[in-house]
Amino acid sequence: MSEQQENRKTRKHKPGQVRFALAKQGMKGPRFGTQSISINEELRRDLGAIKQQSRRAGNDDGYVVKFLSMCETHIVGPEGFSYQSKAKLMSGKEDKRASGLIESHFSAWGKKGTCDVTGRYSWQDIQTLFIRTVAEDGEILVRFVEGFPNRYGFALQLLDSAHLDINYNRELKDGHRIRMGVELDNWDRPVAYHVLTQHPGDRVYFYGNTRYERIPASEMLLSFLPYRVGQCRGLPWAHAALLEMHHLYGYREAELTGARVAASKMFAYEPDSDVEPEDPDEEEPDFIEEVEPGMGIVVPYGYTLKELNWQHPGGNFGAFMKEGKRGAASGLDVSYNTLANDLEGVNFSSLRQAVLEDRDSWKKKQRWMRQELCDRVASLWLRMALVSGAIPSLKFSDYERLNHHRFQGRRWEWVDPLKDEKANTEAIGNMTKSPLQIIRDRGEDPETVINELLEFEDMVAQIRKLRGAGQNQPKQDTEEDDAEGNHPEAG
C-alpha cells in the first residue's frame, strides 16, 4: 500500500464519533458517550475542526481577540522576558565580567534581522508571536537553525503547526511510531517531527505531491501546554469557551440586526376592508418604497399605512450576554470583568481578588514559556556563540560555567502603590520579605537596581563636591583696579 493510500485510509472514521462538542457538525451542543479513547485519538479526529473555529474566532470575535491580546500583554509584556546572565567563576561565585559580555551579545543577537531566519522579527517579536500562536492554535513549531549565516551561527525559524499532518500516522520497523506527524519512541518521547515541506493551505500545495522532511527533535520543538497524560499535539487555549462564544456571537449578531431593522421604522401598505376593491383593469397605485427623514407621503386610495414595530434588542439582552460572557471567561481562565471590560458593580476588594487570581494564572504560563522556549534558546545560542568565537575572550571549554542565566517575566503594579510600599516596608521590618524579593516581584533585576542606586549616589556625591568647591573659591572683582591698585569707587 502506498503512503498516500495509507494517509487516506487513516482519514476514514465513522461519522458522529467526534469527541469535542466544538467539533460537532452545526455546533448544536454536546452528546454524552461512555466509550473511553485516548487523547491522541480525540485530537486526531477533532483538532482540525477546533483549530479552524479558534482561528475564525480570533479574526471575528472581539472577546477572543481580547483574550489573545491579554495573553500577549500579561505573559510576554511590553518589553518581553528580560535576560540576565549568571555566569560562574571556578569558585562558584558570579563572573560579572563574563555575565556583562554575554548579556551584551545576547541583546545584539536579539535585534531584528539576526535572530530570525526571515529577518522579519526581533527576539521580542518572536516571544509575542510564539505565545499568541500557542494560545490561538494550541501549538507552534520552532526550529533551531545551527550554523545559520549570521555572526553567532544561530537563528530561529517559526513554523505553522499545520506543517505537521494530523493524518500522518505510521508504525515504523525500529519500534517507533508516528502519531499526527510526531515520531515517538517506546517511552512516548518525541524523537523527530515529520514536517510537510509545503504548507497544506497554500494554493500551490497538492496532496499528490506531499513531501515530508524528518527533523530530529534536537533541532525542532513542538510547543504546547499539555492538558492530559500522553498528549502529543496541542489544543487551542480557548477550546472550552469557543462553543459558548459561538452562541453569544450569533445571538448578538441577530439582536443587532433586529435592532437595526427596528430603528428603521418600516411600514406596510394594508388594503382597507371598508373600501370596495379596485377594478383590476385600472392602473395599480403608486406605492412609496423608500422615505427620507422629514418626508411626508400620500397613502394610495383604498390602503392604510401600518407601522411595523419590532422590539429589539429584547429586555433580556444584557443579562443573557453577561451570563454567557461569564461562562466564556471561566473557559478562558480569566476574570469576567477584564475580558468583558465590565467594571459595573465591583468594589476594590472583589476586583483585587480577581486580579490576584488572574496574575497567578499568568505567572504559571510565564513559567511554562520560560522553560519551554526561553531557557532552551539561551543555552543553544550561547553554545553556538562560543563555538563561532563571537564573544571575545570567552571559550567553549567554559560553556558549563557560563551557561547560567535567568529570565524575568513582567510584573504588575497596583492602583494604590502607597499602600503596597507601606506593606513592603513592614514586611522588611518583620523579616517576612527581603528587598531582593520585592525587587524581583516588580519584574526588575536586583543587581541592576542596586548598581543604579550606587551610580546615583556617586552622581550626587560628585555634584555636592563640585558645589562645595565653588562655594569655597574667593569672589572675583567685577571691575578692574586703577594703576595704583585703588578701586575706582574708592575716594
Protein backbone atom coordinates (compact mmCIF):
# COMPACT_ATOMS: atom_id res chain seq x y z
CA MET A 1 0.00 0.00 0.00
CA SER A 2 1.38 3.39 -0.97
CA GLU A 3 1.98 6.20 1.52
CA GLN A 4 -0.81 8.30 0.00
CA GLN A 5 -3.31 5.40 0.27
CA GLU A 6 -2.37 4.90 3.94
CA ASN A 7 -2.90 8.60 4.58
CA ARG A 8 -6.35 8.45 3.01
CA LYS A 9 -7.13 5.30 4.98
CA THR A 10 -6.29 6.92 8.32
CA ARG A 11 -8.65 9.78 7.50
CA LYS A 12 -11.70 7.50 7.45
CA HIS A 13 -13.76 7.14 10.60
CA LYS A 14 -17.43 6.73 11.28
CA PRO A 15 -19.50 9.91 11.25
CA GLY A 16 -20.67 11.24 14.59
CA GLN A 17 -17.64 10.00 16.51
CA VAL A 18 -16.06 13.39 17.17
CA ARG A 19 -15.33 13.78 20.88
CA PHE A 20 -15.23 17.54 21.43
CA ALA A 21 -18.56 19.37 21.42
CA LEU A 22 -16.96 22.19 19.45
CA ALA A 23 -16.10 19.86 16.55
CA LYS A 24 -19.64 18.52 16.06
CA GLN A 25 -21.42 19.42 12.86
CA GLY A 26 -23.51 22.56 13.32
CA MET A 27 -22.19 23.14 16.85
CA LYS A 28 -25.66 22.49 18.33
CA GLY A 29 -24.37 21.03 21.55
CA PRO A 30 -22.55 18.11 23.13
CA ARG A 31 -23.61 14.49 23.20
CA PHE A 32 -22.53 12.31 26.08
CA GLY A 33 -20.88 8.96 25.42
CA THR A 34 -19.42 6.20 27.56
CA GLN A 35 -16.58 5.00 25.34
CA SER A 36 -13.09 5.89 26.59
CA ILE A 37 -10.48 6.65 23.95
CA SER A 38 -7.03 8.18 24.13
CA ILE A 39 -6.40 11.90 23.99
CA ASN A 40 -4.40 11.48 20.80
CA GLU A 41 -7.28 9.71 19.05
CA GLU A 42 -9.60 12.52 20.13
CA LEU A 43 -7.16 15.07 18.77
CA ARG A 44 -6.72 13.17 15.50
CA ARG A 45 -10.45 13.36 14.90
CA ASP A 46 -11.26 16.82 16.22
CA LEU A 47 -8.15 19.01 16.26
CA GLY A 48 -8.55 20.27 12.69
CA ALA A 49 -12.12 21.49 13.29
CA ILE A 50 -11.24 23.05 16.65
CA LYS A 51 -8.30 24.94 15.14
CA GLN A 52 -10.48 26.30 12.36
CA GLN A 53 -13.07 27.56 14.86
CA SER A 54 -10.36 29.08 17.05
CA ARG A 55 -8.81 30.94 14.12
CA ARG A 56 -12.21 32.16 12.94
CA ALA A 57 -12.98 33.48 16.41
CA GLY A 58 -9.51 35.05 16.59
CA ASN A 59 -10.37 37.02 13.46
CA ASP A 60 -14.05 37.86 14.05
CA ASP A 61 -14.97 37.55 17.73
CA GLY A 62 -13.99 40.62 19.73
CA TYR A 63 -13.79 38.73 23.02
CA VAL A 64 -11.41 36.11 21.63
CA VAL A 65 -9.32 38.91 20.11
CA LYS A 66 -9.28 40.50 23.57
CA PHE A 67 -8.18 37.22 25.16
CA LEU A 68 -5.30 36.79 22.69
CA SER A 69 -4.23 40.37 23.36
CA MET A 70 -4.33 39.67 27.11
CA CYS A 71 -2.02 36.69 26.59
CA GLU A 72 0.47 38.90 24.77
CA THR A 73 0.23 41.69 27.34
CA HIS A 74 0.41 39.65 30.53
CA ILE A 75 2.64 36.73 29.57
CA VAL A 76 5.22 38.48 27.37
CA GLY A 77 4.57 42.09 28.30
CA PRO A 78 5.66 45.31 26.58
CA GLU A 79 9.40 44.53 26.92
CA GLY A 80 9.43 40.74 26.73
CA PHE A 81 11.33 38.45 29.09
CA SER A 82 14.44 40.11 30.50
CA TYR A 83 17.60 38.03 30.04
CA GLN A 84 20.09 38.03 32.92
CA SER A 85 23.34 36.08 32.61
CA LYS A 86 24.55 34.40 35.81
CA ALA A 87 27.93 33.08 34.61
CA LYS A 88 30.04 31.48 37.34
CA LEU A 89 33.72 31.55 38.23
CA MET A 90 35.50 28.30 39.03
CA SER A 91 34.99 29.16 42.70
CA GLY A 92 31.21 29.24 42.20
CA LYS A 93 30.86 33.00 42.58
CA GLU A 94 29.30 35.07 39.83
CA ASP A 95 31.59 36.10 36.98
CA LYS A 96 30.30 39.64 36.49
CA ARG A 97 32.65 40.42 33.62
CA ALA A 98 31.56 37.36 31.63
CA SER A 99 27.90 37.99 32.51
CA GLY A 100 28.12 41.53 31.16
CA LEU A 101 29.68 40.32 27.90
CA ILE A 102 27.10 37.57 27.43
CA GLU A 103 24.15 39.89 28.10
CA SER A 104 25.51 42.46 25.65
CA HIS A 105 25.90 39.89 22.87
CA PHE A 106 22.53 38.24 23.56
CA SER A 107 20.93 41.67 23.19
CA ALA A 108 22.76 42.15 19.87
CA TRP A 109 21.61 38.73 18.63
CA GLY A 110 18.02 39.56 19.62
CA LYS A 111 17.77 42.55 17.31
CA LYS A 112 15.58 42.41 14.23
CA GLY A 113 17.35 40.83 11.27
CA THR A 114 19.62 38.49 13.24
CA CYS A 115 17.71 36.07 15.48
CA ASP A 116 15.11 35.01 12.90
CA VAL A 117 15.86 33.23 9.60
CA THR A 118 13.46 35.51 7.69
CA GLY A 119 14.96 38.71 9.11
CA ARG A 120 11.46 39.98 9.95
CA TYR A 121 11.37 39.55 13.71
CA SER A 122 13.30 40.58 16.79
CA TRP A 123 13.62 38.31 19.83
CA GLN A 124 10.78 40.20 21.47
CA ASP A 125 8.63 39.80 18.34
CA ILE A 126 9.32 36.06 18.41
CA GLN A 127 8.19 35.84 22.03
CA THR A 128 4.95 37.70 21.26
CA LEU A 129 4.22 35.67 18.13
CA PHE A 130 5.06 32.45 19.96
CA ILE A 131 2.57 32.98 22.77
CA ARG A 132 -0.20 34.32 20.51
CA THR A 133 0.11 31.34 18.16
CA VAL A 134 0.14 28.83 21.01
CA ALA A 135 -2.93 30.49 22.53
CA GLU A 136 -4.84 30.55 19.23
CA ASP A 137 -3.70 27.27 17.63
CA GLY A 138 -2.66 25.40 20.76
CA GLU A 139 0.82 24.72 19.38
CA ILE A 140 3.70 26.06 17.31
CA LEU A 141 6.83 24.64 15.67
CA VAL A 142 10.17 26.28 16.47
CA ARG A 143 13.26 25.16 14.56
CA PHE A 144 16.74 25.78 15.96
CA VAL A 145 18.98 26.52 12.98
CA GLU A 146 22.60 25.96 13.98
CA GLY A 147 25.25 27.17 11.56
CA PHE A 148 23.00 29.92 10.19
CA PRO A 149 24.99 32.59 8.31
CA ASN A 150 24.98 35.33 10.92
CA ARG A 151 27.57 36.48 13.45
CA TYR A 152 26.52 33.96 16.09
CA GLY A 153 25.82 31.00 13.81
CA PHE A 154 22.35 30.54 15.26
CA ALA A 155 18.79 31.60 14.36
CA LEU A 156 15.19 30.54 14.91
CA GLN A 157 12.51 29.55 12.42
CA LEU A 158 8.83 29.68 13.37
CA LEU A 159 6.52 27.30 11.50
CA ASP A 160 2.75 26.89 11.45
CA SER A 161 1.76 23.65 13.17
CA ALA A 162 -0.24 22.80 10.03
CA HIS A 163 3.10 21.55 8.67
CA LEU A 164 2.53 18.54 10.94
CA ASP A 165 -0.06 16.41 9.15
CA ILE A 166 -2.71 15.25 11.63
CA ASN A 167 -3.45 12.24 9.41
CA TYR A 168 0.16 11.12 9.06
CA ASN A 169 0.31 8.01 11.29
CA ARG A 170 2.71 5.07 10.92
CA GLU A 171 4.18 2.07 12.71
CA LEU A 172 7.94 2.01 11.99
CA LYS A 173 10.21 -1.03 11.79
CA ASP A 174 12.50 0.11 14.60
CA GLY A 175 9.62 0.12 17.08
CA HIS A 176 8.98 3.83 16.79
CA ARG A 177 5.59 5.12 15.69
CA ILE A 178 4.36 8.31 14.10
CA ARG A 179 1.31 9.98 15.60
CA MET A 180 -0.07 13.03 13.81
CA GLY A 181 3.37 13.78 12.35
CA VAL A 182 5.26 13.28 15.63
CA GLU A 183 7.66 10.31 15.81
CA LEU A 184 7.69 8.72 19.27
CA ASP A 185 9.98 6.10 20.79
CA ASN A 186 8.94 3.27 23.10
CA TRP A 187 8.74 5.74 26.01
CA ASP A 188 6.49 8.16 24.08
CA ARG A 189 9.38 10.59 23.87
CA PRO A 190 9.41 12.71 20.68
CA VAL A 191 12.49 11.82 18.65
CA ALA A 192 11.63 13.55 15.36
CA TYR A 193 8.99 15.55 13.53
CA HIS A 194 7.82 14.66 10.02
CA VAL A 195 7.17 18.10 8.59
CA LEU A 196 5.39 18.91 5.35
CA THR A 197 7.78 20.80 3.10
CA GLN A 198 4.88 22.95 1.86
CA HIS A 199 2.03 24.46 3.85
CA PRO A 200 -1.15 22.46 3.11
CA GLY A 201 -3.14 25.69 2.88
CA ASP A 202 -1.05 27.23 0.11
CA ARG A 203 -2.57 27.39 -3.36
CA VAL A 204 0.47 25.64 -4.79
CA TYR A 205 0.01 22.67 -2.43
CA PHE A 206 -1.28 19.44 -3.96
CA TYR A 207 -1.88 16.33 -1.89
CA GLY A 208 -0.46 14.10 -4.61
CA ASN A 209 2.88 15.88 -4.28
CA THR A 210 3.10 15.52 -0.50
CA ARG A 211 6.67 15.60 0.77
CA TYR A 212 7.76 15.09 4.37
CA GLU A 213 11.05 16.11 5.91
CA ARG A 214 12.18 14.26 9.03
CA ILE A 215 13.68 16.75 11.50
CA PRO A 216 15.24 15.40 14.74
CA ALA A 217 13.69 16.63 17.97
CA SER A 218 17.07 18.10 18.95
CA GLU A 219 16.65 20.59 16.09
CA MET A 220 12.95 21.35 16.43
CA LEU A 221 10.45 22.00 19.17
CA LEU A 222 6.69 21.41 19.10
CA SER A 223 5.48 23.68 21.89
CA PHE A 224 2.08 23.24 23.52
CA LEU A 225 0.61 23.36 27.00
CA PRO A 226 -0.39 19.77 27.87
CA TYR A 227 -3.81 19.02 29.32
CA ARG A 228 -3.66 15.24 29.61
CA VAL A 229 -1.07 12.50 30.02
CA GLY A 230 0.33 11.18 26.75
CA GLN A 231 -0.84 14.15 24.69
CA CYS A 232 1.40 14.72 21.67
CA ARG A 233 -0.40 17.65 19.99
CA GLY A 234 -1.72 20.90 21.47
CA LEU A 235 -5.25 22.25 21.94
CA PRO A 236 -6.20 25.92 21.42
CA TRP A 237 -6.40 27.60 24.81
CA ALA A 238 -9.94 28.82 24.10
CA HIS A 239 -11.32 25.39 23.17
CA ALA A 240 -13.53 25.14 26.29
CA ALA A 241 -15.06 28.58 25.67
CA LEU A 242 -15.45 28.66 21.89
CA LEU A 243 -18.82 26.91 21.78
CA GLU A 244 -20.32 29.37 24.27
CA MET A 245 -18.77 32.30 22.44
CA HIS A 246 -20.09 30.97 19.14
CA HIS A 247 -23.64 31.13 20.52
CA LEU A 248 -23.02 34.57 22.02
CA TYR A 249 -21.69 35.82 18.71
CA GLY A 250 -24.74 34.52 16.82
CA TYR A 251 -27.21 35.88 19.38
CA ARG A 252 -25.58 39.29 19.47
CA GLU A 253 -25.47 39.45 15.67
CA ALA A 254 -29.19 38.56 15.46
CA GLU A 255 -30.14 41.16 18.07
CA LEU A 256 -28.06 43.85 16.37
CA THR A 257 -29.68 43.05 13.05
CA GLY A 258 -33.12 43.17 14.67
CA ALA A 259 -32.30 46.47 16.34
CA ARG A 260 -31.20 47.99 13.03
CA VAL A 261 -34.41 46.84 11.37
CA ALA A 262 -36.49 48.16 14.30
CA ALA A 263 -34.69 51.50 14.20
CA SER A 264 -35.55 51.83 10.51
CA LYS A 265 -39.28 52.16 11.41
CA MET A 266 -40.52 50.10 8.49
CA PHE A 267 -44.14 50.22 7.35
CA ALA A 268 -46.51 48.28 5.12
CA TYR A 269 -49.48 49.17 2.92
CA GLU A 270 -52.55 47.26 4.06
CA PRO A 271 -55.79 47.14 1.98
CA ASP A 272 -58.70 48.89 3.71
CA SER A 273 -61.55 46.40 4.23
CA ASP A 274 -64.15 49.22 4.15
CA VAL A 275 -63.20 50.27 0.63
CA GLU A 276 -64.50 48.40 -2.41
CA PRO A 277 -61.79 46.58 -4.38
CA GLU A 278 -60.43 48.40 -7.37
CA ASP A 279 -61.19 47.41 -10.91
CA PRO A 280 -58.42 45.00 -11.97
CA ASP A 281 -58.16 46.84 -15.28
CA GLU A 282 -57.25 50.07 -13.50
CA GLU A 283 -53.61 51.02 -13.12
CA GLU A 284 -52.01 49.87 -9.85
CA PRO A 285 -51.46 52.74 -7.37
CA ASP A 286 -48.01 54.23 -6.96
CA PHE A 287 -46.52 52.86 -3.72
CA ILE A 288 -43.74 54.70 -1.90
CA GLU A 289 -40.98 52.19 -1.07
CA GLU A 290 -38.26 54.49 0.28
CA VAL A 291 -38.57 57.52 2.55
CA GLU A 292 -36.19 60.14 3.89
CA PRO A 293 -36.14 61.92 7.28
CA GLY A 294 -38.92 64.55 7.45
CA MET A 295 -40.54 63.31 4.25
CA GLY A 296 -44.35 63.07 4.03
CA ILE A 297 -46.12 60.54 1.85
CA VAL A 298 -49.61 60.12 0.37
CA VAL A 299 -51.25 56.79 1.08
CA PRO A 300 -52.86 55.36 -2.08
CA TYR A 301 -56.66 55.22 -2.13
CA GLY A 302 -58.00 52.03 -0.59
CA TYR A 303 -54.98 51.39 1.62
CA THR A 304 -53.92 52.20 5.16
CA LEU A 305 -50.39 52.65 6.42
CA LYS A 306 -49.36 50.14 9.08
CA GLU A 307 -46.19 50.67 11.10
CA LEU A 308 -44.04 47.59 11.67
CA ASN A 309 -42.55 47.92 15.15
CA TRP A 310 -40.20 45.14 16.26
CA GLN A 311 -38.92 45.39 19.82
CA HIS A 312 -35.17 44.89 19.61
CA PRO A 313 -32.97 44.42 21.43
CA GLY A 314 -35.02 42.36 23.87
CA GLY A 315 -35.25 43.17 27.55
CA ASN A 316 -33.06 40.19 28.49
CA PHE A 317 -30.27 41.05 26.06
CA GLY A 318 -27.86 42.49 28.64
CA ALA A 319 -28.42 39.76 31.23
CA PHE A 320 -28.06 36.99 28.65
CA MET A 321 -24.83 38.45 27.26
CA LYS A 322 -23.36 38.94 30.74
CA GLU A 323 -24.13 35.38 31.81
CA GLY A 324 -22.70 33.99 28.58
CA LYS A 325 -19.52 36.02 28.90
CA ARG A 326 -19.07 34.80 32.47
CA GLY A 327 -19.14 31.21 31.25
CA ALA A 328 -16.73 32.04 28.44
CA ALA A 329 -14.36 33.79 30.86
CA SER A 330 -14.29 30.66 33.02
CA GLY A 331 -13.38 28.58 29.98
CA LEU A 332 -10.58 31.02 29.14
CA ASP A 333 -9.31 31.07 32.76
CA VAL A 334 -9.54 34.86 33.04
CA SER A 335 -11.77 37.12 35.13
CA TYR A 336 -15.08 38.21 33.61
CA ASN A 337 -14.56 41.90 34.43
CA THR A 338 -11.29 42.08 32.50
CA LEU A 339 -12.45 40.06 29.50
CA ALA A 340 -15.76 41.93 29.13
CA ASN A 341 -14.39 45.38 30.09
CA ASP A 342 -17.20 45.48 32.65
CA LEU A 343 -16.40 47.17 35.98
CA GLU A 344 -20.03 47.87 36.85
CA GLY A 345 -20.92 46.99 40.43
CA VAL A 346 -17.45 45.85 41.51
CA ASN A 347 -15.61 47.05 44.60
CA PHE A 348 -11.89 47.25 45.25
CA SER A 349 -11.72 44.06 47.34
CA SER A 350 -13.55 41.82 44.87
CA LEU A 351 -11.65 43.26 41.93
CA ARG A 352 -8.32 42.79 43.71
CA GLN A 353 -9.15 39.16 44.45
CA ALA A 354 -9.98 38.52 40.78
CA VAL A 355 -6.81 40.28 39.65
CA LEU A 356 -4.67 38.24 42.06
CA GLU A 357 -6.10 35.01 40.66
CA ASP A 358 -5.52 36.23 37.11
CA ARG A 359 -1.92 37.15 37.87
CA ASP A 360 -1.19 33.74 39.36
CA SER A 361 -2.52 32.19 36.15
CA TRP A 362 -0.35 34.48 34.02
CA LYS A 363 2.71 33.66 36.16
CA LYS A 364 2.05 29.96 35.66
CA LYS A 365 2.02 30.43 31.89
CA GLN A 366 5.12 32.63 32.11
CA ARG A 367 6.94 29.82 33.91
CA TRP A 368 5.89 27.37 31.19
CA MET A 369 7.07 29.66 28.40
CA ARG A 370 10.34 30.40 30.17
CA GLN A 371 11.14 26.69 30.47
CA GLU A 372 9.70 25.73 27.10
CA LEU A 373 11.30 28.39 24.90
CA CYS A 374 13.50 30.98 26.58
CA ASP A 375 15.83 28.67 28.53
CA ARG A 376 16.39 26.41 25.53
CA VAL A 377 17.08 29.29 23.18
CA ALA A 378 19.53 30.94 25.58
CA SER A 379 21.53 27.74 26.11
CA LEU A 380 21.67 26.85 22.40
CA TRP A 381 22.56 30.43 21.44
CA LEU A 382 25.42 30.58 23.97
CA ARG A 383 26.84 27.27 22.77
CA MET A 384 26.85 28.38 19.13
CA ALA A 385 28.17 31.85 20.04
CA LEU A 386 31.13 30.24 21.83
CA VAL A 387 31.73 27.75 19.02
CA SER A 388 31.76 30.54 16.42
CA GLY A 389 34.03 32.74 18.57
CA ALA A 390 31.52 35.59 18.50
CA ILE A 391 32.19 36.58 22.13
CA PRO A 392 35.83 37.67 22.60
CA SER A 393 37.84 36.20 25.49
CA LEU A 394 35.21 33.53 26.25
CA LYS A 395 35.99 29.93 25.30
CA PHE A 396 33.74 26.99 24.50
CA SER A 397 35.58 24.93 27.14
CA ASP A 398 33.97 27.23 29.75
CA TYR A 399 30.44 26.59 28.47
CA GLU A 400 29.25 24.73 31.57
CA ARG A 401 30.21 27.51 33.99
CA LEU A 402 28.95 30.22 31.63
CA ASN A 403 25.60 28.57 30.89
CA HIS A 404 23.72 30.00 33.85
CA HIS A 405 21.00 32.57 33.29
CA ARG A 406 17.64 33.82 34.43
CA PHE A 407 14.65 35.17 32.51
CA GLN A 408 12.49 37.66 34.37
CA GLY A 409 8.89 37.99 33.24
CA ARG A 410 6.81 41.11 33.51
CA ARG A 411 5.15 42.06 36.79
CA TRP A 412 2.31 44.41 37.68
CA GLU A 413 1.82 47.50 39.82
CA TRP A 414 -1.31 48.24 41.86
CA VAL A 415 -3.52 51.27 41.53
CA ASP A 416 -2.66 52.29 45.12
CA PRO A 417 1.17 51.97 45.30
CA LEU A 418 1.41 53.87 48.61
CA LYS A 419 -0.30 51.04 50.50
CA ASP A 420 1.97 48.50 48.83
CA GLU A 421 5.09 50.47 49.74
CA LYS A 422 3.98 50.64 53.37
CA ALA A 423 3.23 46.91 53.35
CA ASN A 424 6.65 46.16 51.86
CA THR A 425 8.36 48.35 54.46
CA GLU A 426 6.59 46.49 57.26
CA ALA A 427 7.41 43.13 55.66
CA ILE A 428 11.12 44.03 55.56
CA GLY A 429 10.96 45.18 59.18
CA ASN A 430 9.22 41.95 60.21
CA MET A 431 11.75 39.94 58.17
CA THR A 432 8.99 38.25 56.14
CA LYS A 433 10.33 39.63 52.85
CA SER A 434 13.72 40.65 51.57
CA PRO A 435 14.38 43.75 49.45
CA LEU A 436 15.64 41.44 46.71
CA GLN A 437 12.33 39.56 46.64
CA ILE A 438 10.37 42.81 46.44
CA ILE A 439 12.51 43.98 43.52
CA ARG A 440 12.01 40.66 41.70
CA ASP A 441 8.25 40.82 42.34
CA ARG A 442 8.26 44.04 40.34
CA GLY A 443 9.95 42.37 37.41
CA GLU A 444 13.34 44.01 37.96
CA ASP A 445 16.82 42.54 38.37
CA PRO A 446 18.05 43.25 41.93
CA GLU A 447 21.65 43.60 40.79
CA THR A 448 20.68 46.15 38.14
CA VAL A 449 18.61 48.16 40.63
CA ILE A 450 21.41 48.16 43.23
CA ASN A 451 24.01 49.20 40.65
CA GLU A 452 21.75 52.05 39.53
CA LEU A 453 21.34 53.19 43.15
CA LEU A 454 25.11 53.14 43.68
CA GLU A 455 25.59 55.04 40.43
CA PHE A 456 23.02 57.60 41.58
CA GLU A 457 24.83 58.04 44.90
CA ASP A 458 28.12 58.60 43.06
CA MET A 459 26.48 61.24 40.86
CA VAL A 460 25.06 63.03 43.92
CA ALA A 461 28.46 62.94 45.63
CA GLN A 462 30.16 64.41 42.55
CA ILE A 463 27.61 67.22 42.31
CA ARG A 464 27.99 68.06 46.01
CA LYS A 465 31.75 68.08 45.64
CA LEU A 466 31.58 70.50 42.71
CA ARG A 467 29.16 72.78 44.55
CA GLY A 468 31.34 72.77 47.66
CA ALA A 469 34.43 73.67 45.64
CA GLY A 470 32.56 76.57 44.04
CA GLN A 471 31.43 77.99 47.38
CA ASN A 472 35.00 77.93 48.81
CA GLN A 473 36.51 79.96 45.94
CA PRO A 474 37.10 83.77 46.61
CA LYS A 475 34.75 86.14 44.83
CA GLN A 476 36.17 87.78 41.71
CA ASP A 477 36.12 91.64 41.42
CA THR A 478 33.85 92.65 38.62
CA GLU A 479 35.66 95.90 37.96
CA GLU A 480 39.37 96.40 37.39
CA ASP A 481 41.51 98.43 39.86
CA ASP A 482 43.30 101.57 38.66
CA ALA A 483 47.00 101.71 38.00
CA GLU A 484 47.78 102.43 41.69
CA GLY A 485 45.75 99.45 42.88
CA ASN A 486 42.78 101.50 44.12
CA HIS A 487 39.22 100.51 43.34
CA PRO A 488 37.52 103.05 41.07
CA GLU A 489 34.80 103.77 43.68
CA ALA A 490 37.32 104.39 46.49
CA GLY A 491 37.61 108.07 47.50
